[in-house]
Amino acid sequence: MELDDILAEASCLIAGDRQDTYGDIHESWERIGKLWSAVLQLNEPIPPHMVGCMLALMKISRIANDPTHTDNYIDAVAYVAGAGQLATS
């Protein structure tokens, strides 16, 4: 898979399919951060942009186990891009 293909598909996920399925990225990742904080018994919620970074790390872990599944690369790029969007807006 070419770089442009990975980036284009990741972009579609952020703005299209995933948003349609799971809702606004900020609201979704804010909710996930609150849930993770509660489970981990933290005093503060995990910020939405850090949720994106942590999700990307999950995909990187999957890549380390099996580097042949292109969807893990696409998802990791989408998660990092979403994290960057949330952290800088």
N, C-alpha and C. Protein backbone atom coordinates (compact mmCIF):
# COMPACT_ATOMS: atom_id res chain seq x y z
N MET A 1 0.85 -1.18 0.00
CA MET A 1 0.00 0.00 0.00
C MET A 1 0.89 1.24 0.00
N GLU A 2 0.55 2.20 -0.82
CA GLU A 2 1.33 3.42 -0.96
C GLU A 2 1.00 4.42 0.15
N LEU A 3 1.96 5.30 0.46
CA LEU A 3 1.79 6.31 1.49
C LEU A 3 0.53 7.14 1.27
N ASP A 4 0.33 7.61 0.04
CA ASP A 4 -0.84 8.43 -0.25
C ASP A 4 -2.14 7.67 0.02
N ASP A 5 -2.14 6.37 -0.24
CA ASP A 5 -3.33 5.56 0.02
C ASP A 5 -3.62 5.47 1.51
N ILE A 6 -2.57 5.26 2.30
CA ILE A 6 -2.73 5.18 3.75
C ILE A 6 -3.26 6.50 4.30
N LEU A 7 -2.66 7.60 3.86
CA LEU A 7 -3.10 8.92 4.35
C LEU A 7 -4.52 9.24 3.92
N ALA A 8 -4.87 8.91 2.69
CA ALA A 8 -6.22 9.19 2.20
C ALA A 8 -7.26 8.38 2.97
N GLU A 9 -6.96 7.11 3.19
CA GLU A 9 -7.92 6.27 3.92
C GLU A 9 -8.05 6.72 5.38
N ALA A 10 -6.93 7.09 6.00
CA ALA A 10 -6.97 7.59 7.37
C ALA A 10 -7.81 8.86 7.45
N SER A 11 -7.65 9.74 6.48
CA SER A 11 -8.43 10.97 6.45
C SER A 11 -9.92 10.68 6.33
N CYS A 12 -10.26 9.72 5.50
CA CYS A 12 -11.67 9.34 5.35
C CYS A 12 -12.24 8.80 6.65
N LEU A 13 -11.43 8.05 7.40
CA LEU A 13 -11.90 7.51 8.67
C LEU A 13 -12.20 8.61 9.67
N ILE A 14 -11.32 9.60 9.74
CA ILE A 14 -11.49 10.68 10.71
C ILE A 14 -12.74 11.49 10.41
N ALA A 15 -12.93 11.82 9.15
CA ALA A 15 -14.02 12.72 8.77
C ALA A 15 -15.28 11.99 8.35
N GLY A 16 -15.20 10.69 8.11
CA GLY A 16 -16.35 10.00 7.55
C GLY A 16 -16.85 8.84 8.38
N ASP A 17 -16.41 7.65 8.02
CA ASP A 17 -16.97 6.43 8.58
C ASP A 17 -17.00 6.39 10.11
N ARG A 18 -15.87 6.65 10.72
CA ARG A 18 -15.81 6.55 12.18
C ARG A 18 -16.66 7.62 12.85
N GLN A 19 -16.64 8.82 12.30
CA GLN A 19 -17.44 9.89 12.89
C GLN A 19 -18.93 9.57 12.75
N ASP A 20 -19.31 9.03 11.62
CA ASP A 20 -20.71 8.66 11.42
C ASP A 20 -21.13 7.56 12.39
N THR A 21 -20.23 6.62 12.65
CA THR A 21 -20.54 5.49 13.51
C THR A 21 -20.45 5.83 14.99
N TYR A 22 -19.38 6.54 15.39
CA TYR A 22 -19.09 6.74 16.81
C TYR A 22 -19.35 8.16 17.31
N GLY A 23 -19.69 9.07 16.43
CA GLY A 23 -19.96 10.44 16.84
C GLY A 23 -18.73 11.32 16.78
N ASP A 24 -18.90 12.54 17.22
CA ASP A 24 -17.84 13.54 17.22
C ASP A 24 -16.61 13.02 17.95
N ILE A 25 -15.44 13.21 17.35
CA ILE A 25 -14.19 12.70 17.90
C ILE A 25 -13.91 13.25 19.30
N HIS A 26 -14.16 14.53 19.51
CA HIS A 26 -13.90 15.13 20.83
C HIS A 26 -14.81 14.51 21.88
N GLU A 27 -16.09 14.43 21.59
CA GLU A 27 -17.04 13.87 22.56
C GLU A 27 -16.74 12.39 22.84
N SER A 28 -16.46 11.65 21.80
CA SER A 28 -16.18 10.22 21.95
C SER A 28 -14.92 9.98 22.77
N TRP A 29 -13.83 10.67 22.43
CA TRP A 29 -12.58 10.46 23.14
C TRP A 29 -12.62 11.06 24.54
N GLU A 30 -13.40 12.11 24.75
CA GLU A 30 -13.57 12.65 26.10
C GLU A 30 -14.27 11.60 26.98
N ARG A 31 -15.29 10.96 26.43
CA ARG A 31 -16.01 9.92 27.16
C ARG A 31 -15.08 8.74 27.48
N ILE A 32 -14.28 8.32 26.49
CA ILE A 32 -13.33 7.24 26.71
C ILE A 32 -12.33 7.63 27.80
N GLY A 33 -11.82 8.85 27.75
CA GLY A 33 -10.87 9.32 28.76
C GLY A 33 -11.44 9.28 30.16
N LYS A 34 -12.71 9.65 30.29
CA LYS A 34 -13.35 9.61 31.61
C LYS A 34 -13.50 8.17 32.09
N LEU A 35 -13.87 7.28 31.19
CA LEU A 35 -14.02 5.87 31.56
C LEU A 35 -12.68 5.25 31.95
N TRP A 36 -11.64 5.51 31.15
CA TRP A 36 -10.33 4.99 31.49
C TRP A 36 -9.84 5.54 32.82
N SER A 37 -10.07 6.82 33.07
CA SER A 37 -9.65 7.43 34.34
C SER A 37 -10.35 6.77 35.51
N ALA A 38 -11.63 6.48 35.35
CA ALA A 38 -12.37 5.84 36.43
C ALA A 38 -11.82 4.43 36.70
N VAL A 39 -11.56 3.67 35.66
CA VAL A 39 -11.03 2.32 35.83
C VAL A 39 -9.65 2.35 36.47
N LEU A 40 -8.83 3.31 36.05
CA LEU A 40 -7.48 3.43 36.58
C LEU A 40 -7.42 4.19 37.90
N GLN A 41 -8.56 4.67 38.35
CA GLN A 41 -8.70 5.42 39.60
C GLN A 41 -7.78 6.64 39.62
N LEU A 42 -7.80 7.38 38.53
CA LEU A 42 -7.02 8.61 38.43
C LEU A 42 -7.85 9.77 38.98
N ASN A 43 -7.20 10.82 39.38
CA ASN A 43 -7.89 11.99 39.92
C ASN A 43 -8.44 12.90 38.83
N GLU A 44 -7.95 12.76 37.61
CA GLU A 44 -8.36 13.61 36.50
C GLU A 44 -8.68 12.74 35.29
N PRO A 45 -9.59 13.21 34.44
CA PRO A 45 -9.84 12.46 33.20
C PRO A 45 -8.63 12.54 32.26
N ILE A 46 -8.47 11.53 31.47
CA ILE A 46 -7.43 11.54 30.44
C ILE A 46 -7.93 12.45 29.32
N PRO A 47 -7.14 13.45 28.93
CA PRO A 47 -7.59 14.38 27.89
C PRO A 47 -7.85 13.66 26.57
N PRO A 48 -8.82 14.14 25.78
CA PRO A 48 -9.16 13.48 24.53
C PRO A 48 -7.98 13.27 23.58
N HIS A 49 -7.06 14.24 23.49
CA HIS A 49 -5.94 14.05 22.57
C HIS A 49 -5.02 12.91 23.02
N MET A 50 -4.92 12.71 24.34
CA MET A 50 -4.10 11.60 24.85
C MET A 50 -4.79 10.26 24.62
N VAL A 51 -6.11 10.26 24.59
CA VAL A 51 -6.84 9.03 24.24
C VAL A 51 -6.43 8.61 22.83
N GLY A 52 -6.38 9.57 21.91
CA GLY A 52 -5.95 9.27 20.54
C GLY A 52 -4.54 8.71 20.49
N CYS A 53 -3.64 9.29 21.27
CA CYS A 53 -2.26 8.79 21.32
C CYS A 53 -2.21 7.37 21.87
N MET A 54 -2.99 7.11 22.89
CA MET A 54 -3.00 5.78 23.49
C MET A 54 -3.62 4.75 22.54
N LEU A 55 -4.64 5.14 21.80
CA LEU A 55 -5.22 4.24 20.81
C LEU A 55 -4.20 3.94 19.71
N ALA A 56 -3.43 4.95 19.32
CA ALA A 56 -2.37 4.73 18.32
C ALA A 56 -1.33 3.74 18.84
N LEU A 57 -1.00 3.85 20.13
CA LEU A 57 -0.04 2.91 20.71
C LEU A 57 -0.58 1.48 20.69
N MET A 58 -1.88 1.31 20.86
CA MET A 58 -2.48 -0.01 20.76
C MET A 58 -2.25 -0.57 19.36
N LYS A 59 -2.46 0.27 18.34
CA LYS A 59 -2.25 -0.17 16.96
C LYS A 59 -0.78 -0.49 16.70
N ILE A 60 0.13 0.28 17.27
CA ILE A 60 1.56 0.01 17.11
C ILE A 60 1.91 -1.32 17.76
N SER A 61 1.30 -1.63 18.88
CA SER A 61 1.52 -2.92 19.52
C SER A 61 1.05 -4.05 18.60
N ARG A 62 -0.08 -3.85 17.95
CA ARG A 62 -0.57 -4.87 17.02
C ARG A 62 0.36 -5.02 15.82
N ILE A 63 0.92 -3.90 15.35
CA ILE A 63 1.88 -3.94 14.25
C ILE A 63 3.11 -4.73 14.65
N ALA A 64 3.57 -4.55 15.89
CA ALA A 64 4.75 -5.28 16.37
C ALA A 64 4.49 -6.79 16.36
N ASN A 65 3.26 -7.18 16.62
CA ASN A 65 2.92 -8.60 16.61
C ASN A 65 2.79 -9.15 15.19
N ASP A 66 2.20 -8.36 14.30
CA ASP A 66 2.01 -8.79 12.91
C ASP A 66 2.02 -7.57 12.00
N PRO A 67 3.13 -7.32 11.33
CA PRO A 67 3.25 -6.10 10.52
C PRO A 67 2.55 -6.14 9.17
N THR A 68 1.80 -7.18 8.88
CA THR A 68 1.22 -7.32 7.54
C THR A 68 -0.18 -6.75 7.39
N HIS A 69 -0.83 -6.40 8.47
CA HIS A 69 -2.21 -5.88 8.40
C HIS A 69 -2.20 -4.37 8.21
N THR A 70 -2.53 -3.92 7.01
CA THR A 70 -2.46 -2.49 6.70
C THR A 70 -3.46 -1.67 7.48
N ASP A 71 -4.56 -2.27 7.93
CA ASP A 71 -5.55 -1.48 8.67
C ASP A 71 -4.98 -0.93 9.97
N ASN A 72 -4.02 -1.61 10.57
CA ASN A 72 -3.40 -1.09 11.79
C ASN A 72 -2.62 0.19 11.53
N TYR A 73 -1.93 0.26 10.40
CA TYR A 73 -1.20 1.47 10.03
C TYR A 73 -2.17 2.63 9.76
N ILE A 74 -3.21 2.32 9.03
CA ILE A 74 -4.21 3.34 8.70
C ILE A 74 -4.86 3.88 9.96
N ASP A 75 -5.27 2.98 10.85
CA ASP A 75 -5.90 3.40 12.10
C ASP A 75 -4.94 4.21 12.96
N ALA A 76 -3.67 3.79 13.04
CA ALA A 76 -2.69 4.53 13.85
C ALA A 76 -2.52 5.95 13.33
N VAL A 77 -2.43 6.10 12.01
CA VAL A 77 -2.32 7.43 11.41
C VAL A 77 -3.57 8.26 11.74
N ALA A 78 -4.74 7.65 11.62
CA ALA A 78 -5.98 8.36 11.91
C ALA A 78 -6.04 8.79 13.37
N TYR A 79 -5.63 7.93 14.28
CA TYR A 79 -5.65 8.27 15.70
C TYR A 79 -4.69 9.42 16.01
N VAL A 80 -3.49 9.38 15.47
CA VAL A 80 -2.52 10.45 15.72
C VAL A 80 -2.99 11.76 15.10
N ALA A 81 -3.55 11.69 13.90
CA ALA A 81 -4.08 12.91 13.27
C ALA A 81 -5.22 13.49 14.09
N GLY A 82 -6.10 12.64 14.58
CA GLY A 82 -7.20 13.12 15.42
C GLY A 82 -6.68 13.74 16.70
N ALA A 83 -5.66 13.12 17.29
CA ALA A 83 -5.06 13.67 18.50
C ALA A 83 -4.45 15.04 18.23
N GLY A 84 -3.77 15.17 17.10
CA GLY A 84 -3.20 16.46 16.74
C GLY A 84 -4.26 17.52 16.53
N GLN A 85 -5.35 17.12 15.89
CA GLN A 85 -6.47 18.07 15.68
C GLN A 85 -7.01 18.55 17.01
N LEU A 86 -7.23 17.64 17.94
CA LEU A 86 -7.81 18.02 19.23
C LEU A 86 -6.83 18.84 20.07
N ALA A 87 -5.57 18.51 20.01
CA ALA A 87 -4.58 19.22 20.83
C ALA A 87 -4.30 20.63 20.34
N THR A 88 -4.53 20.86 19.06
CA THR A 88 -4.17 22.17 18.51
C THR A 88 -5.36 23.05 18.15
N SER A 89 -6.56 22.59 18.44
CA SER A 89 -7.71 23.44 18.10
C SER A 89 -8.38 24.02 19.32
